[in-house]
Amino acid sequence: MAAPTTMRVTFILKWAASIIQIMGYTATAFGWTPWNLYLFLVGLFGWFAVGVLWNDRAIMLIHIVALGAMLVGMSSS
């Protein structure tokens, strides 16, 4: 089992990343570009870090794919 400190850091990180991603959705709804992308990137990296801490490849994979999609979308517009 993970150390209590690691569990606490992971708990804080996953909630902070979730709140930041929700802020990104809100920024998108209000048309606040490019802030929405910045918020999504921060949340994305936060959740990727959670995947690393949990050794959860599914979480890491989905956030790597999301990063790739964002980069392609940003470069094509």
Protein backbone atom coordinates (compact mmCIF):
# COMPACT_ATOMS: atom_id res chain seq x y z
CA MET A 1 0.00 0.00 0.00
CA ALA A 2 1.17 3.54 -0.75
CA ALA A 3 2.60 5.72 2.00
CA PRO A 4 0.11 8.09 3.68
CA THR A 5 1.98 11.11 2.31
CA THR A 6 1.73 9.80 -1.25
CA MET A 7 -1.97 9.07 -0.78
CA ARG A 8 -2.57 12.60 0.50
CA VAL A 9 -0.63 14.19 -2.38
CA THR A 10 -2.56 12.07 -4.87
CA PHE A 11 -5.89 13.00 -3.25
CA ILE A 12 -5.09 16.72 -3.45
CA LEU A 13 -3.71 16.44 -6.99
CA LYS A 14 -6.72 14.57 -8.39
CA TRP A 15 -9.19 17.06 -6.90
CA ALA A 16 -7.17 20.09 -7.98
CA ALA A 17 -6.84 18.69 -11.52
CA SER A 18 -10.56 17.93 -11.62
CA ILE A 19 -11.52 21.44 -10.52
CA ILE A 20 -9.12 22.97 -13.04
CA GLN A 21 -10.58 20.85 -15.85
CA ILE A 22 -14.09 21.92 -14.84
CA MET A 23 -12.86 25.51 -15.04
CA GLY A 24 -11.60 24.68 -18.55
CA TYR A 25 -15.06 23.46 -19.55
CA THR A 26 -16.57 26.62 -18.11
CA ALA A 27 -14.06 28.78 -19.98
CA THR A 28 -14.96 26.95 -23.20
CA ALA A 29 -18.67 27.55 -22.60
CA PHE A 30 -18.03 31.28 -22.22
CA GLY A 31 -15.64 31.42 -25.21
CA TRP A 32 -12.64 32.40 -23.09
CA THR A 33 -9.90 31.29 -25.41
CA PRO A 34 -7.01 30.58 -25.01
CA TRP A 35 -7.59 30.34 -21.23
CA ASN A 36 -9.72 27.25 -21.71
CA LEU A 37 -6.77 25.47 -23.35
CA TYR A 38 -4.37 26.48 -20.59
CA LEU A 39 -6.77 25.18 -17.95
CA PHE A 40 -7.29 21.93 -19.84
CA LEU A 41 -3.53 21.44 -20.16
CA VAL A 42 -2.94 21.96 -16.44
CA GLY A 43 -5.75 19.56 -15.56
CA LEU A 44 -4.53 17.06 -18.12
CA PHE A 45 -1.00 17.02 -16.72
CA GLY A 46 -2.39 16.80 -13.20
CA TRP A 47 -4.43 13.72 -14.05
CA PHE A 48 -1.50 12.20 -15.93
CA ALA A 49 0.56 12.61 -12.74
CA VAL A 50 -2.20 10.88 -10.78
CA GLY A 51 -2.03 8.00 -13.25
CA VAL A 52 1.72 7.77 -12.69
CA LEU A 53 1.33 7.83 -8.89
CA TRP A 54 -1.36 5.14 -9.06
CA ASN A 55 0.53 3.19 -11.72
CA ASP A 56 -2.70 3.28 -13.74
CA ARG A 57 -1.88 2.96 -17.41
CA ALA A 58 -5.47 3.59 -18.52
CA ILE A 59 -5.48 7.04 -16.90
CA MET A 60 -2.07 7.81 -18.38
CA LEU A 61 -3.15 6.62 -21.85
CA ILE A 62 -6.36 8.65 -22.02
CA HIS A 63 -4.52 11.82 -21.01
CA ILE A 64 -1.69 11.27 -23.50
CA VAL A 65 -4.30 10.81 -26.24
CA ALA A 66 -6.13 13.94 -25.05
CA LEU A 67 -2.85 15.89 -25.14
CA GLY A 68 -2.18 14.68 -28.69
CA ALA A 69 -5.67 15.67 -29.81
CA MET A 70 -5.30 19.10 -28.24
CA LEU A 71 -1.94 19.68 -29.89
CA VAL A 72 -3.27 18.64 -33.30
CA GLY A 73 -6.32 20.86 -32.85
CA MET A 74 -4.21 23.83 -31.73
CA SER A 75 -1.78 23.47 -34.62
CA SER A 76 -4.50 23.18 -37.26
CA SER A 77 -6.39 26.34 -36.30
